[in-house]
Amino acid sequence: MSGYGFPTLLQYSRLTTAAADLKSRAEQARTEMVTGRVADLKSELSSSIGDVHLLRKAIDDVRARQDSATRALGRTQSSQTALTLASDGIVTLGADLMSAVGQNNEPSIDISATKAKLQLDAAMSAFNTRYEGRSLFAGDAADAPALADVDTLLDDIRTIFAGAADNAQLQTDLDFYFNDPAGGFATTIYTGGSGNAARTEIADGELVDYSAKADEQPVRDLLRHLSTIVVADEQSSFADRNIALTTAAGGLIQADSDIVSIRSRIGAAEERIAAADTRLEAEATAYSLTYNEHTARDPYEAATRLQQIESQLQASYLVTSRISLLSLANYLR
């Protein structure tokens, strides 16, 4: 008679439980083969799992700060590009206009005025530049444009010309318009916020301010002189037209130097952010190496283990299926 007893429900249950365990281990090995990471950190690391979680948090924190630094670098670079576009060629424009006025060369004056209009359009568009949907020169009102449209500005300057008896009064009125808090530039043209944009944290407690605003004095001066040239060229009946043109031409040359000072300020912040970005990358790499030492799994080893488990699982399924087909009649046969 056979030495084996009739398979019981308990034996069948044990086999199915073993198969379920093999299936779970196979899934774990499959995950480790794909990710290259230990699937069950708690079982694998035991008491040191807390340290690993702290490492993971440190990596995430550094990467988040590095992402902020990268975004800040993008904003500074876009700001530098905008400032270049806003002031491109204004020194040459100012010098050419002075020469044209000195020679009383009307065609050349008209050409300079046309260039001034094009540059004014470019400047106001540049100061309305957005990066990732946020205005670069609108201060703490990043969801709003920094400046109104060109036509509004030119219409205001035409009104100022119409009310000025001579160049002295014109300059006084332009001073009020562009520089006084109650003037038209502050109340109508600049549409950004009164405060600066938020600073970026590049290290614990270390914040960097890289913002520039379209209501800073160099920007006001640039827009003042460009718009004055455009409108003055239209004012053939204005007695001091040529004096106004010469004053604005000289102002453009100074405005270029003042815009460079803004670019230098942003450039200094850009260097700090770039240095912080490099430092954060090194820090994240160091943390990641330590984290990998604790959590990495060789995909080849995981694949080999998966193959072995699948062979065992296949055998387990075969035995279980055979037991399930046994009956008393088959056993007694």
C-alpha atoms as a PDB file:
ATOM      1  CA  MET A   1       0.000   0.000   0.000  1.00  0.00           C
ATOM      2  CA  SER A   2       1.164   3.571  -0.685  1.00  0.00           C
ATOM      3  CA  GLY A   3       3.171   5.330   2.009  1.00  0.00           C
ATOM      4  CA  TYR A   4       1.432   8.635   1.373  1.00  0.00           C
ATOM      5  CA  GLY A   5      -1.825   9.572   3.093  1.00  0.00           C
ATOM      6  CA  PHE A   6      -4.821  11.064   1.377  1.00  0.00           C
ATOM      7  CA  PRO A   7      -4.174  14.760   0.839  1.00  0.00           C
ATOM      8  CA  THR A   8      -5.987  16.812   3.419  1.00  0.00           C
ATOM      9  CA  LEU A   9      -7.416  20.326   3.241  1.00  0.00           C
ATOM     10  CA  LEU A  10      -4.565  21.474   5.493  1.00  0.00           C
ATOM     11  CA  GLN A  11      -1.930  20.233   3.035  1.00  0.00           C
ATOM     12  CA  TYR A  12      -3.709  22.004   0.167  1.00  0.00           C
ATOM     13  CA  SER A  13      -3.934  25.199   2.177  1.00  0.00           C
ATOM     14  CA  ARG A  14      -0.229  25.110   2.967  1.00  0.00           C
ATOM     15  CA  LEU A  15       0.630  24.740  -0.706  1.00  0.00           C
ATOM     16  CA  THR A  16      -1.578  27.634  -1.762  1.00  0.00           C
ATOM     17  CA  THR A  17      -0.120  29.810   1.007  1.00  0.00           C
ATOM     18  CA  ALA A  18       3.390  28.963  -0.147  1.00  0.00           C
ATOM     19  CA  ALA A  19       2.412  29.805  -3.719  1.00  0.00           C
ATOM     20  CA  ALA A  20       1.023  33.174  -2.621  1.00  0.00           C
ATOM     21  CA  ASP A  21       4.282  33.916  -0.805  1.00  0.00           C
ATOM     22  CA  LEU A  22       6.292  33.005  -3.894  1.00  0.00           C
ATOM     23  CA  LYS A  23       4.055  35.219  -6.001  1.00  0.00           C
ATOM     24  CA  SER A  24       4.649  38.155  -3.622  1.00  0.00           C
ATOM     25  CA  ARG A  25       8.398  37.595  -3.672  1.00  0.00           C
ATOM     26  CA  ALA A  26       8.336  37.391  -7.473  1.00  0.00           C
ATOM     27  CA  GLU A  27       6.522  40.716  -7.687  1.00  0.00           C
ATOM     28  CA  GLN A  28       9.069  42.252  -5.318  1.00  0.00           C
ATOM     29  CA  ALA A  29      11.970  40.922  -7.397  1.00  0.00           C
ATOM     30  CA  ARG A  30      10.306  42.200 -10.573  1.00  0.00           C
ATOM     31  CA  THR A  31       9.964  45.682  -9.046  1.00  0.00           C
ATOM     32  CA  GLU A  32      13.617  45.687  -7.944  1.00  0.00           C
ATOM     33  CA  MET A  33      14.725  44.557 -11.390  1.00  0.00           C
ATOM     34  CA  VAL A  34      12.923  47.522 -12.988  1.00  0.00           C
ATOM     35  CA  THR A  35      13.674  50.250 -10.417  1.00  0.00           C
ATOM     36  CA  GLY A  36      17.095  49.165  -9.184  1.00  0.00           C
ATOM     37  CA  ARG A  37      15.851  49.837  -5.643  1.00  0.00           C
ATOM     38  CA  VAL A  38      15.074  47.655  -2.647  1.00  0.00           C
ATOM     39  CA  ALA A  39      11.312  47.112  -2.775  1.00  0.00           C
ATOM     40  CA  ASP A  40      10.713  46.486   0.924  1.00  0.00           C
ATOM     41  CA  LEU A  41      12.935  48.954   2.767  1.00  0.00           C
ATOM     42  CA  LYS A  42      11.442  48.168   6.171  1.00  0.00           C
ATOM     43  CA  SER A  43      12.330  44.479   6.005  1.00  0.00           C
ATOM     44  CA  GLU A  44      15.686  45.063   4.340  1.00  0.00           C
ATOM     45  CA  LEU A  45      17.010  47.893   6.506  1.00  0.00           C
ATOM     46  CA  SER A  46      15.339  47.186   9.822  1.00  0.00           C
ATOM     47  CA  SER A  47      16.476  49.725  12.450  1.00  0.00           C
ATOM     48  CA  SER A  48      18.375  51.916   9.990  1.00  0.00           C
ATOM     49  CA  ILE A  49      15.293  52.742   7.920  1.00  0.00           C
ATOM     50  CA  GLY A  50      14.834  56.016   9.803  1.00  0.00           C
ATOM     51  CA  ASP A  51      18.239  57.243   8.658  1.00  0.00           C
ATOM     52  CA  VAL A  52      17.393  56.346   5.079  1.00  0.00           C
ATOM     53  CA  HIS A  53      14.122  58.269   5.232  1.00  0.00           C
ATOM     54  CA  LEU A  54      16.044  61.299   6.533  1.00  0.00           C
ATOM     55  CA  LEU A  55      18.454  60.964   3.613  1.00  0.00           C
ATOM     56  CA  ARG A  56      15.545  60.836   1.169  1.00  0.00           C
ATOM     57  CA  LYS A  57      14.051  63.986   2.698  1.00  0.00           C
ATOM     58  CA  ALA A  58      17.421  65.752   2.538  1.00  0.00           C
ATOM     59  CA  ILE A  59      17.731  64.876  -1.160  1.00  0.00           C
ATOM     60  CA  ASP A  60      14.208  66.118  -1.874  1.00  0.00           C
ATOM     61  CA  ASP A  61      14.839  69.369   0.012  1.00  0.00           C
ATOM     62  CA  VAL A  62      18.066  70.049  -1.849  1.00  0.00           C
ATOM     63  CA  ARG A  63      16.478  69.252  -5.211  1.00  0.00           C
ATOM     64  CA  ALA A  64      13.566  71.582  -4.443  1.00  0.00           C
ATOM     65  CA  ARG A  65      15.975  74.382  -3.566  1.00  0.00           C
ATOM     66  CA  GLN A  66      17.998  73.634  -6.670  1.00  0.00           C
ATOM     67  CA  ASP A  67      14.832  73.833  -8.759  1.00  0.00           C
ATOM     68  CA  SER A  68      14.154  77.284  -7.280  1.00  0.00           C
ATOM     69  CA  ALA A  69      17.710  78.347  -8.098  1.00  0.00           C
ATOM     70  CA  THR A  70      17.358  77.086 -11.668  1.00  0.00           C
ATOM     71  CA  ARG A  71      14.133  79.041 -12.106  1.00  0.00           C
ATOM     72  CA  ALA A  72      15.765  82.143 -10.638  1.00  0.00           C
ATOM     73  CA  LEU A  73      18.631  81.774 -13.100  1.00  0.00           C
ATOM     74  CA  GLY A  74      16.124  81.587 -15.940  1.00  0.00           C
ATOM     75  CA  ARG A  75      14.493  84.794 -14.726  1.00  0.00           C
ATOM     76  CA  THR A  76      17.792  86.649 -14.386  1.00  0.00           C
ATOM     77  CA  GLN A  77      18.873  85.589 -17.857  1.00  0.00           C
ATOM     78  CA  SER A  78      15.538  86.668 -19.335  1.00  0.00           C
ATOM     79  CA  SER A  79      15.808  89.989 -17.494  1.00  0.00           C
ATOM     80  CA  GLN A  80      19.277  90.571 -18.913  1.00  0.00           C
ATOM     81  CA  THR A  81      18.009  89.837 -22.413  1.00  0.00           C
ATOM     82  CA  ALA A  82      15.105  92.254 -21.954  1.00  0.00           C
ATOM     83  CA  LEU A  83      17.381  95.028 -20.713  1.00  0.00           C
ATOM     84  CA  THR A  84      19.650  94.512 -23.711  1.00  0.00           C
ATOM     85  CA  LEU A  85      16.702  94.769 -26.099  1.00  0.00           C
ATOM     86  CA  ALA A  86      15.401  97.859 -24.320  1.00  0.00           C
ATOM     87  CA  SER A  87      18.655  99.782 -24.610  1.00  0.00           C
ATOM     88  CA  ASP A  88      20.162  98.336 -27.760  1.00  0.00           C
ATOM     89  CA  GLY A  89      21.737 101.049 -29.905  1.00  0.00           C
ATOM     90  CA  ILE A  90      20.530 104.047 -27.890  1.00  0.00           C
ATOM     91  CA  VAL A  91      24.024 105.546 -27.589  1.00  0.00           C
ATOM     92  CA  THR A  92      24.391 105.561 -31.370  1.00  0.00           C
ATOM     93  CA  LEU A  93      20.859 106.895 -31.731  1.00  0.00           C
ATOM     94  CA  GLY A  94      21.604 109.765 -29.340  1.00  0.00           C
ATOM     95  CA  ALA A  95      24.883 110.660 -31.049  1.00  0.00           C
ATOM     96  CA  ASP A  96      23.333 110.535 -34.543  1.00  0.00           C
ATOM     97  CA  LEU A  97      20.438 112.742 -33.453  1.00  0.00           C
ATOM     98  CA  MET A  98      22.776 115.321 -31.908  1.00  0.00           C
ATOM     99  CA  SER A  99      24.720 115.445 -35.142  1.00  0.00           C
ATOM    100  CA  ALA A 100      21.563 115.777 -37.232  1.00  0.00           C
ATOM    101  CA  VAL A 101      20.213 118.609 -35.079  1.00  0.00           C
ATOM    102  CA  GLY A 102      23.571 120.371 -35.150  1.00  0.00           C
ATOM    103  CA  GLN A 103      23.538 120.273 -38.949  1.00  0.00           C
ATOM    104  CA  ASN A 104      19.827 121.136 -39.073  1.00  0.00           C
ATOM    105  CA  ASN A 105      19.420 118.024 -41.206  1.00  0.00           C
ATOM    106  CA  GLU A 106      15.663 117.371 -41.169  1.00  0.00           C
ATOM    107  CA  PRO A 107      15.739 114.070 -43.079  1.00  0.00           C
ATOM    108  CA  SER A 108      18.287 112.693 -40.610  1.00  0.00           C
ATOM    109  CA  ILE A 109      16.257 114.013 -37.677  1.00  0.00           C
ATOM    110  CA  ASP A 110      13.202 112.199 -39.057  1.00  0.00           C
ATOM    111  CA  ILE A 111      15.217 108.981 -39.405  1.00  0.00           C
ATOM    112  CA  SER A 112      16.409 109.253 -35.806  1.00  0.00           C
ATOM    113  CA  ALA A 113      12.838 109.880 -34.639  1.00  0.00           C
ATOM    114  CA  THR A 114      11.662 106.799 -36.529  1.00  0.00           C
ATOM    115  CA  LYS A 115      14.400 104.746 -34.880  1.00  0.00           C
ATOM    116  CA  ALA A 116      13.398 106.194 -31.506  1.00  0.00           C
ATOM    117  CA  LYS A 117       9.800 105.038 -32.055  1.00  0.00           C
ATOM    118  CA  LEU A 118      10.949 101.539 -32.947  1.00  0.00           C
ATOM    119  CA  GLN A 119      13.226 101.474 -29.907  1.00  0.00           C
ATOM    120  CA  LEU A 120      10.426 102.746 -27.667  1.00  0.00           C
ATOM    121  CA  ASP A 121       8.170  99.940 -28.891  1.00  0.00           C
ATOM    122  CA  ALA A 122      10.961  97.421 -28.257  1.00  0.00           C
ATOM    123  CA  ALA A 123      11.717  98.822 -24.804  1.00  0.00           C
ATOM    124  CA  MET A 124       8.145  98.809 -23.538  1.00  0.00           C
ATOM    125  CA  SER A 125       7.636  95.315 -24.907  1.00  0.00           C
ATOM    126  CA  ALA A 126      10.877  94.168 -23.238  1.00  0.00           C
ATOM    127  CA  PHE A 127       9.812  95.553 -19.871  1.00  0.00           C
ATOM    128  CA  ASN A 128       6.572  93.596 -20.183  1.00  0.00           C
ATOM    129  CA  THR A 129       8.514  90.342 -20.629  1.00  0.00           C
ATOM    130  CA  ARG A 130       7.121  87.343 -18.766  1.00  0.00           C
ATOM    131  CA  TYR A 131       8.942  84.241 -17.597  1.00  0.00           C
ATOM    132  CA  GLU A 132       6.854  81.183 -16.777  1.00  0.00           C
ATOM    133  CA  GLY A 133       3.787  83.409 -16.843  1.00  0.00           C
ATOM    134  CA  ARG A 134       5.140  85.977 -14.374  1.00  0.00           C
ATOM    135  CA  SER A 135       6.108  89.554 -15.247  1.00  0.00           C
ATOM    136  CA  LEU A 136       9.809  90.184 -14.754  1.00  0.00           C
ATOM    137  CA  PHE A 137       9.639  93.949 -14.218  1.00  0.00           C
ATOM    138  CA  ALA A 138       6.313  94.357 -12.379  1.00  0.00           C
ATOM    139  CA  GLY A 139       7.715  93.922  -8.868  1.00  0.00           C
ATOM    140  CA  ASP A 140       5.408  92.128  -6.449  1.00  0.00           C
ATOM    141  CA  ALA A 141       2.503  92.292  -8.927  1.00  0.00           C
ATOM    142  CA  ALA A 142       3.959  89.512 -11.047  1.00  0.00           C
ATOM    143  CA  ASP A 143       0.591  88.595 -12.524  1.00  0.00           C
ATOM    144  CA  ALA A 144       0.189  92.066 -14.084  1.00  0.00           C
ATOM    145  CA  PRO A 145       2.005  93.766 -16.980  1.00  0.00           C
ATOM    146  CA  ALA A 146       4.669  96.237 -15.916  1.00  0.00           C
ATOM    147  CA  LEU A 147       3.790  99.000 -18.372  1.00  0.00           C
ATOM    148  CA  ALA A 148       0.777 100.337 -20.240  1.00  0.00           C
ATOM    149  CA  ASP A 149       0.813 100.590 -24.042  1.00  0.00           C
ATOM    150  CA  VAL A 150       3.046 102.868 -26.087  1.00  0.00           C
ATOM    151  CA  ASP A 151       0.208 104.957 -27.500  1.00  0.00           C
ATOM    152  CA  THR A 152      -0.949 105.979 -24.028  1.00  0.00           C
ATOM    153  CA  LEU A 153       2.534 107.214 -23.184  1.00  0.00           C
ATOM    154  CA  LEU A 154       2.942 109.130 -26.451  1.00  0.00           C
ATOM    155  CA  ASP A 155      -0.471 110.765 -26.112  1.00  0.00           C
ATOM    156  CA  ASP A 156       0.494 111.984 -22.641  1.00  0.00           C
ATOM    157  CA  ILE A 157       3.772 113.420 -23.939  1.00  0.00           C
ATOM    158  CA  ARG A 158       1.925 115.189 -26.760  1.00  0.00           C
ATOM    159  CA  THR A 159      -0.315 116.815 -24.169  1.00  0.00           C
ATOM    160  CA  ILE A 160       2.759 117.983 -22.244  1.00  0.00           C
ATOM    161  CA  PHE A 161       4.252 119.501 -25.406  1.00  0.00           C
ATOM    162  CA  ALA A 162       0.990 121.254 -26.167  1.00  0.00           C
ATOM    163  CA  GLY A 163       1.028 122.956 -22.777  1.00  0.00           C
ATOM    164  CA  ALA A 164       4.716 123.968 -22.743  1.00  0.00           C
ATOM    165  CA  ALA A 165       5.782 127.452 -23.836  1.00  0.00           C
ATOM    166  CA  ASP A 166       9.468 126.610 -24.129  1.00  0.00           C
ATOM    167  CA  ASN A 167      12.014 123.872 -23.399  1.00  0.00           C
ATOM    168  CA  ALA A 168      12.453 124.943 -19.770  1.00  0.00           C
ATOM    169  CA  GLN A 169       8.771 124.446 -19.039  1.00  0.00           C
ATOM    170  CA  LEU A 170       8.763 121.246 -21.100  1.00  0.00           C
ATOM    171  CA  GLN A 171      11.547 119.730 -18.990  1.00  0.00           C
ATOM    172  CA  THR A 172       9.812 120.791 -15.773  1.00  0.00           C
ATOM    173  CA  ASP A 173       6.578 119.159 -16.905  1.00  0.00           C
ATOM    174  CA  LEU A 174       8.412 116.038 -18.036  1.00  0.00           C
ATOM    175  CA  ASP A 175      10.156 115.878 -14.652  1.00  0.00           C
ATOM    176  CA  PHE A 176       6.808 115.923 -12.902  1.00  0.00           C
ATOM    177  CA  TYR A 177       5.273 113.384 -15.283  1.00  0.00           C
ATOM    178  CA  PHE A 178       8.080 110.849 -15.034  1.00  0.00           C
ATOM    179  CA  ASN A 179       9.496 111.409 -11.539  1.00  0.00           C
ATOM    180  CA  ASP A 180       6.744 112.599  -9.216  1.00  0.00           C
ATOM    181  CA  PRO A 181       4.641 109.925  -7.442  1.00  0.00           C
ATOM    182  CA  ALA A 182       1.563 111.843  -8.582  1.00  0.00           C
ATOM    183  CA  GLY A 183       2.802 112.108 -12.168  1.00  0.00           C
ATOM    184  CA  GLY A 184       1.378 110.298 -15.150  1.00  0.00           C
ATOM    185  CA  PHE A 185       4.091 107.661 -15.324  1.00  0.00           C
ATOM    186  CA  ALA A 186       3.440 106.424 -11.786  1.00  0.00           C
ATOM    187  CA  THR A 187      -0.337 106.665 -12.026  1.00  0.00           C
ATOM    188  CA  THR A 188      -0.942 105.561 -15.620  1.00  0.00           C
ATOM    189  CA  ILE A 189       2.080 104.043 -17.348  1.00  0.00           C
ATOM    190  CA  TYR A 190       3.653 101.866 -14.656  1.00  0.00           C
ATOM    191  CA  THR A 191       1.079  99.183 -13.840  1.00  0.00           C
ATOM    192  CA  GLY A 192       3.215  96.879 -11.685  1.00  0.00           C
ATOM    193  CA  GLY A 193       3.460  96.580  -7.912  1.00  0.00           C
ATOM    194  CA  SER A 194       5.039  98.983  -5.444  1.00  0.00           C
ATOM    195  CA  GLY A 195       7.221  96.302  -3.839  1.00  0.00           C
ATOM    196  CA  ASN A 196       9.970  94.078  -5.189  1.00  0.00           C
ATOM    197  CA  ALA A 197       9.446  90.533  -6.399  1.00  0.00           C
ATOM    198  CA  ALA A 198      10.014  87.777  -3.855  1.00  0.00           C
ATOM    199  CA  ARG A 199      13.603  86.826  -3.198  1.00  0.00           C
ATOM    200  CA  THR A 200      14.924  83.296  -3.765  1.00  0.00           C
ATOM    201  CA  GLU A 201      16.381  81.188  -0.962  1.00  0.00           C
ATOM    202  CA  ILE A 202      19.612  79.612  -2.155  1.00  0.00           C
ATOM    203  CA  ALA A 203      20.710  78.251   1.249  1.00  0.00           C
ATOM    204  CA  ASP A 204      19.322  78.094   4.772  1.00  0.00           C
ATOM    205  CA  GLY A 205      18.553  81.697   5.613  1.00  0.00           C
ATOM    206  CA  GLU A 206      20.407  83.033   2.546  1.00  0.00           C
ATOM    207  CA  LEU A 207      18.107  84.995   0.242  1.00  0.00           C
ATOM    208  CA  VAL A 208      19.081  86.672  -3.002  1.00  0.00           C
ATOM    209  CA  ASP A 209      17.257  89.599  -4.636  1.00  0.00           C
ATOM    210  CA  TYR A 210      17.630  89.616  -8.412  1.00  0.00           C
ATOM    211  CA  SER A 211      14.591  91.691  -9.310  1.00  0.00           C
ATOM    212  CA  ALA A 212      14.392  94.854 -11.406  1.00  0.00           C
ATOM    213  CA  LYS A 213      11.337  97.048 -11.876  1.00  0.00           C
ATOM    214  CA  ALA A 214      10.083  99.091 -14.786  1.00  0.00           C
ATOM    215  CA  ASP A 215       9.612 102.115 -12.537  1.00  0.00           C
ATOM    216  CA  GLU A 216      13.292 102.402 -11.608  1.00  0.00           C
ATOM    217  CA  GLN A 217      14.876 105.733 -12.521  1.00  0.00           C
ATOM    218  CA  PRO A 218      17.015 104.434 -15.417  1.00  0.00           C
ATOM    219  CA  VAL A 219      13.915 102.929 -17.029  1.00  0.00           C
ATOM    220  CA  ARG A 220      11.917 106.134 -16.526  1.00  0.00           C
ATOM    221  CA  ASP A 221      14.726 108.141 -18.092  1.00  0.00           C
ATOM    222  CA  LEU A 222      15.050 105.802 -21.059  1.00  0.00           C
ATOM    223  CA  LEU A 223      11.336 105.956 -21.827  1.00  0.00           C
ATOM    224  CA  ARG A 224      11.272 109.721 -21.245  1.00  0.00           C
ATOM    225  CA  HIS A 225      13.991 110.490 -23.762  1.00  0.00           C
ATOM    226  CA  LEU A 226      12.745 108.061 -26.416  1.00  0.00           C
ATOM    227  CA  SER A 227       9.164 109.334 -26.222  1.00  0.00           C
ATOM    228  CA  THR A 228      10.347 112.951 -26.206  1.00  0.00           C
ATOM    229  CA  ILE A 229      12.297 112.409 -29.429  1.00  0.00           C
ATOM    230  CA  VAL A 230       9.300 110.770 -31.111  1.00  0.00           C
ATOM    231  CA  VAL A 231       6.879 113.567 -30.160  1.00  0.00           C
ATOM    232  CA  ALA A 232       9.336 116.455 -30.609  1.00  0.00           C
ATOM    233  CA  ASP A 233       9.864 115.436 -34.221  1.00  0.00           C
ATOM    234  CA  GLU A 234       6.130 115.960 -34.754  1.00  0.00           C
ATOM    235  CA  GLN A 235       6.149 119.441 -33.174  1.00  0.00           C
ATOM    236  CA  SER A 236       7.304 121.629 -36.048  1.00  0.00           C
ATOM    237  CA  SER A 237       5.646 124.659 -34.444  1.00  0.00           C
ATOM    238  CA  PHE A 238       7.328 124.199 -31.066  1.00  0.00           C
ATOM    239  CA  ALA A 239       9.918 126.990 -30.826  1.00  0.00           C
ATOM    240  CA  ASP A 240      12.441 124.995 -28.817  1.00  0.00           C
ATOM    241  CA  ARG A 241      11.968 121.741 -30.716  1.00  0.00           C
ATOM    242  CA  ASN A 242      15.662 121.345 -31.554  1.00  0.00           C
ATOM    243  CA  ILE A 243      16.691 122.109 -27.980  1.00  0.00           C
ATOM    244  CA  ALA A 244      14.251 119.467 -26.745  1.00  0.00           C
ATOM    245  CA  LEU A 245      15.664 116.966 -29.253  1.00  0.00           C
ATOM    246  CA  THR A 246      19.238 117.690 -28.213  1.00  0.00           C
ATOM    247  CA  THR A 247      18.362 117.373 -24.525  1.00  0.00           C
ATOM    248  CA  ALA A 248      16.689 114.013 -25.142  1.00  0.00           C
ATOM    249  CA  ALA A 249      19.575 112.793 -27.307  1.00  0.00           C
ATOM    250  CA  GLY A 250      22.065 113.541 -24.539  1.00  0.00           C
ATOM    251  CA  GLY A 251      19.742 111.889 -22.041  1.00  0.00           C
ATOM    252  CA  LEU A 252      19.756 108.656 -24.080  1.00  0.00           C
ATOM    253  CA  ILE A 253      23.528 108.400 -23.799  1.00  0.00           C
ATOM    254  CA  GLN A 254      23.319 108.740 -20.009  1.00  0.00           C
ATOM    255  CA  ALA A 255      20.369 106.330 -19.859  1.00  0.00           C
ATOM    256  CA  ASP A 256      22.487 103.636 -21.476  1.00  0.00           C
ATOM    257  CA  SER A 257      25.037 103.903 -18.675  1.00  0.00           C
ATOM    258  CA  ASP A 258      22.293 103.800 -16.051  1.00  0.00           C
ATOM    259  CA  ILE A 259      20.687 100.691 -17.609  1.00  0.00           C
ATOM    260  CA  VAL A 260      24.112  99.028 -17.470  1.00  0.00           C
ATOM    261  CA  SER A 261      24.103  99.607 -13.703  1.00  0.00           C
ATOM    262  CA  ILE A 262      20.863  97.595 -13.416  1.00  0.00           C
ATOM    263  CA  ARG A 263      22.354  94.833 -15.530  1.00  0.00           C
ATOM    264  CA  SER A 264      25.440  94.766 -13.310  1.00  0.00           C
ATOM    265  CA  ARG A 265      23.283  94.447 -10.216  1.00  0.00           C
ATOM    266  CA  ILE A 266      21.346  91.556 -11.719  1.00  0.00           C
ATOM    267  CA  GLY A 267      24.604  90.000 -12.926  1.00  0.00           C
ATOM    268  CA  ALA A 268      26.002  89.975  -9.385  1.00  0.00           C
ATOM    269  CA  ALA A 269      22.883  88.177  -8.145  1.00  0.00           C
ATOM    270  CA  GLU A 270      23.107  85.807 -11.108  1.00  0.00           C
ATOM    271  CA  GLU A 271      26.632  84.811 -10.097  1.00  0.00           C
ATOM    272  CA  ARG A 272      25.498  84.065  -6.545  1.00  0.00           C
ATOM    273  CA  ILE A 273      22.602  81.953  -7.790  1.00  0.00           C
ATOM    274  CA  ALA A 274      24.825  80.042 -10.230  1.00  0.00           C
ATOM    275  CA  ALA A 275      27.347  79.334  -7.469  1.00  0.00           C
ATOM    276  CA  ALA A 276      24.542  78.135  -5.188  1.00  0.00           C
ATOM    277  CA  ASP A 277      23.181  75.908  -7.952  1.00  0.00           C
ATOM    278  CA  THR A 278      26.599  74.264  -8.344  1.00  0.00           C
ATOM    279  CA  ARG A 279      26.906  73.833  -4.583  1.00  0.00           C
ATOM    280  CA  LEU A 280      23.419  72.319  -4.329  1.00  0.00           C
ATOM    281  CA  GLU A 281      24.181  69.872  -7.135  1.00  0.00           C
ATOM    282  CA  ALA A 282      27.287  68.661  -5.288  1.00  0.00           C
ATOM    283  CA  GLU A 283      25.285  68.337  -2.067  1.00  0.00           C
ATOM    284  CA  ALA A 284      22.498  66.387  -3.760  1.00  0.00           C
ATOM    285  CA  THR A 285      25.045  64.077  -5.396  1.00  0.00           C
ATOM    286  CA  ALA A 286      26.702  63.328  -2.045  1.00  0.00           C
ATOM    287  CA  TYR A 287      23.363  62.551  -0.397  1.00  0.00           C
ATOM    288  CA  SER A 288      22.317  60.393  -3.344  1.00  0.00           C
ATOM    289  CA  LEU A 289      25.493  58.307  -3.195  1.00  0.00           C
ATOM    290  CA  THR A 290      24.887  57.536   0.475  1.00  0.00           C
ATOM    291  CA  TYR A 291      21.221  56.817  -0.180  1.00  0.00           C
ATOM    292  CA  ASN A 292      22.118  54.444  -3.017  1.00  0.00           C
ATOM    293  CA  GLU A 293      24.494  52.542  -0.796  1.00  0.00           C
ATOM    294  CA  HIS A 294      21.551  51.636   1.429  1.00  0.00           C
ATOM    295  CA  THR A 295      18.746  51.201  -1.078  1.00  0.00           C
ATOM    296  CA  ALA A 296      20.214  50.193  -4.440  1.00  0.00           C
ATOM    297  CA  ARG A 297      19.551  46.708  -5.793  1.00  0.00           C
ATOM    298  CA  ASP A 298      21.510  45.115  -8.615  1.00  0.00           C
ATOM    299  CA  PRO A 299      18.976  44.590 -11.437  1.00  0.00           C
ATOM    300  CA  TYR A 300      20.898  41.522 -12.666  1.00  0.00           C
ATOM    301  CA  GLU A 301      20.750  39.924  -9.221  1.00  0.00           C
ATOM    302  CA  ALA A 302      17.046  40.739  -8.995  1.00  0.00           C
ATOM    303  CA  ALA A 303      16.428  39.198 -12.446  1.00  0.00           C
ATOM    304  CA  THR A 304      18.260  36.009 -11.455  1.00  0.00           C
ATOM    305  CA  ARG A 305      16.243  35.786  -8.232  1.00  0.00           C
ATOM    306  CA  LEU A 306      13.022  36.396 -10.165  1.00  0.00           C
ATOM    307  CA  GLN A 307      13.823  33.546 -12.531  1.00  0.00           C
ATOM    308  CA  GLN A 308      14.423  31.170  -9.610  1.00  0.00           C
ATOM    309  CA  ILE A 309      11.218  32.206  -7.861  1.00  0.00           C
ATOM    310  CA  GLU A 310       9.181  31.804 -11.040  1.00  0.00           C
ATOM    311  CA  SER A 311      10.536  28.244 -11.444  1.00  0.00           C
ATOM    312  CA  GLN A 312       9.526  27.443  -7.858  1.00  0.00           C
ATOM    313  CA  LEU A 313       6.140  29.062  -8.388  1.00  0.00           C
ATOM    314  CA  GLN A 314       5.531  27.051 -11.534  1.00  0.00           C
ATOM    315  CA  ALA A 315       6.361  23.836  -9.680  1.00  0.00           C
ATOM    316  CA  SER A 316       4.097  24.862  -6.802  1.00  0.00           C
ATOM    317  CA  TYR A 317       1.188  25.517  -9.156  1.00  0.00           C
ATOM    318  CA  LEU A 318       1.737  22.090 -10.766  1.00  0.00           C
ATOM    319  CA  VAL A 319       1.690  20.234  -7.440  1.00  0.00           C
ATOM    320  CA  THR A 320      -1.331  22.182  -6.233  1.00  0.00           C
ATOM    321  CA  SER A 321      -3.279  21.437  -9.408  1.00  0.00           C
ATOM    322  CA  ARG A 322      -2.517  17.720  -9.131  1.00  0.00           C
ATOM    323  CA  ILE A 323      -3.662  17.607  -5.520  1.00  0.00           C
ATOM    324  CA  SER A 324      -6.874  19.410  -6.389  1.00  0.00           C
ATOM    325  CA  LEU A 325      -7.683  16.690  -8.951  1.00  0.00           C
ATOM    326  CA  LEU A 326      -7.278  13.820  -6.495  1.00  0.00           C
ATOM    327  CA  SER A 327     -10.389  12.033  -5.275  1.00  0.00           C
ATOM    328  CA  LEU A 328     -11.065   9.058  -2.982  1.00  0.00           C
ATOM    329  CA  ALA A 329     -11.672   6.888  -6.000  1.00  0.00           C
ATOM    330  CA  ASN A 330      -8.368   7.969  -7.557  1.00  0.00           C
ATOM    331  CA  TYR A 331      -6.588   7.414  -4.255  1.00  0.00           C
ATOM    332  CA  LEU A 332      -7.981   3.855  -3.846  1.00  0.00           C
ATOM    333  CA  ARG A 333      -7.320   2.976  -7.494  1.00  0.00           C
END
